[in-house]
Amino acid sequence: MPVVFSPDLSPAQRIELRNQTKAQVEKVVQALDGKLESWCQSAAVEWEYVNASVGDFTCRVGVSLGGVVSVNGDPFTVSAREMVTSTELIRQSITERISRGY
C-alpha cells in the first residue's frame, strides 16, 4: 500500500513517498509516449526535478517529499486548480499544459 502524506512521517517514509511519486510521474510520461531526463536534486532538499518531453512539448516536473508534483513550477492542475497528488492529477496537469502549450 502506498504511503500517504502525514506530518508524522519519518524522514525515511518521506523519501519513500517521493520515490513512489517519482515512479508515478515516470509511468504517466511513458504512457504519453514521452521521455524523461535524469532526476536531479534541487537546492531545496524537499524537491527533485526532471525534464519531461512529450512530442514537441517539454516541461520541468518536480516531486516533493510530501508527494506533491509540480509542472513548470505549478503544483496545481490548470483547470480545476487541484493540488497534484495522484497519478490521475499528474496526467491531467501535464496534458492540460500540452494542450495549452505551456
Protein backbone atom coordinates (compact mmCIF):
# COMPACT_ATOMS: atom_id res chain seq x y z
CA MET A 1 0.00 0.00 0.00
CA PRO A 2 1.43 3.42 -0.92
CA VAL A 3 2.48 5.79 1.81
CA VAL A 4 0.09 8.73 2.26
CA PHE A 5 1.46 12.06 3.41
CA SER A 6 1.16 12.87 7.08
CA PRO A 7 3.17 15.33 9.15
CA ASP A 8 4.06 12.34 11.33
CA LEU A 9 6.03 10.59 8.56
CA SER A 10 9.63 9.81 9.38
CA PRO A 11 12.37 11.12 7.08
CA ALA A 12 12.70 7.64 5.54
CA GLN A 13 8.95 7.47 4.90
CA ARG A 14 9.01 10.90 3.22
CA ILE A 15 11.81 9.74 0.92
CA GLU A 16 9.79 6.60 0.12
CA LEU A 17 6.74 8.75 -0.65
CA ARG A 18 8.80 10.91 -3.00
CA ASN A 19 10.21 7.79 -4.70
CA GLN A 20 6.69 6.39 -5.18
CA THR A 21 5.56 9.71 -6.61
CA LYS A 22 8.55 9.82 -8.98
CA ALA A 23 7.54 6.35 -10.21
CA GLN A 24 4.02 7.68 -10.88
CA VAL A 25 5.47 10.55 -12.93
CA GLU A 26 7.61 8.09 -14.89
CA LYS A 27 4.58 5.89 -15.66
CA VAL A 28 2.47 8.85 -16.80
CA VAL A 29 5.18 10.21 -19.09
CA GLN A 30 5.80 6.73 -20.51
CA ALA A 31 2.04 6.25 -21.13
CA LEU A 32 2.06 9.55 -23.04
CA ASP A 33 4.95 8.20 -25.18
CA GLY A 34 7.23 10.78 -23.60
CA LYS A 35 10.78 10.76 -22.33
CA LEU A 36 12.45 11.80 -19.10
CA GLU A 37 15.95 13.05 -18.49
CA SER A 38 17.71 12.12 -15.24
CA TRP A 39 16.23 13.23 -11.91
CA CYS A 40 18.26 15.85 -10.05
CA GLN A 41 18.18 17.16 -6.51
CA SER A 42 17.04 20.74 -6.04
CA ALA A 43 18.85 23.19 -3.79
CA ALA A 44 15.72 22.81 -1.65
CA VAL A 45 16.22 19.31 -0.22
CA GLU A 46 12.48 18.62 -0.28
CA TRP A 47 12.33 18.59 -4.11
CA GLU A 48 13.77 16.59 -7.01
CA TYR A 49 13.27 17.65 -10.63
CA VAL A 50 13.30 16.14 -14.10
CA ASN A 51 12.76 17.44 -17.63
CA ALA A 52 9.94 15.58 -19.35
CA SER A 53 9.26 15.68 -23.10
CA VAL A 54 6.07 14.59 -24.83
CA GLY A 55 6.27 15.23 -28.57
CA ASP A 56 7.47 18.82 -29.02
CA PHE A 57 6.39 19.82 -25.50
CA THR A 58 8.99 19.91 -22.71
CA CYS A 59 8.27 20.72 -19.09
CA ARG A 60 10.06 20.69 -15.76
CA VAL A 61 8.47 18.27 -13.29
CA GLY A 62 9.19 18.46 -9.57
CA VAL A 63 8.35 15.94 -6.85
CA SER A 64 8.41 16.84 -3.16
CA LEU A 65 8.95 14.81 -0.02
CA GLY A 66 5.23 15.39 0.64
CA GLY A 67 4.18 13.63 -2.57
CA VAL A 68 3.22 16.83 -4.42
CA VAL A 69 4.06 17.15 -8.12
CA SER A 70 4.72 20.49 -9.82
CA VAL A 71 4.74 21.02 -13.56
CA ASN A 72 6.71 24.07 -14.67
CA GLY A 73 6.67 25.27 -11.07
CA ASP A 74 2.90 24.95 -10.58
CA PRO A 75 1.69 22.28 -8.11
CA PHE A 76 -1.94 22.63 -9.27
CA THR A 77 -3.88 21.43 -12.30
CA VAL A 78 -4.65 24.18 -14.80
CA SER A 79 -8.43 23.91 -15.00
CA ALA A 80 -9.64 22.87 -11.55
CA ARG A 81 -6.61 24.14 -9.58
CA GLU A 82 -6.37 20.85 -7.66
CA MET A 83 -3.08 20.09 -5.91
CA VAL A 84 -1.28 17.41 -7.95
CA THR A 85 -1.01 14.44 -5.60
CA SER A 86 -2.20 11.43 -7.64
CA THR A 87 -1.44 9.63 -10.89
CA GLU A 88 -4.64 10.97 -12.44
CA LEU A 89 -3.81 14.56 -11.50
CA ILE A 90 -0.21 14.19 -12.76
CA ARG A 91 -1.59 13.12 -16.13
CA GLN A 92 -4.18 15.92 -16.12
CA SER A 93 -1.61 18.56 -15.21
CA ILE A 94 0.78 17.52 -17.97
CA THR A 95 -1.87 17.03 -20.68
CA GLU A 96 -3.59 20.34 -19.90
CA ARG A 97 -0.28 22.13 -20.30
CA ILE A 98 0.46 20.27 -23.54
CA SER A 99 -2.91 21.34 -24.96
CA ARG A 100 -2.28 24.97 -23.93
CA GLY A 101 1.37 24.99 -24.97
CA TYR A 102 2.73 25.84 -21.51
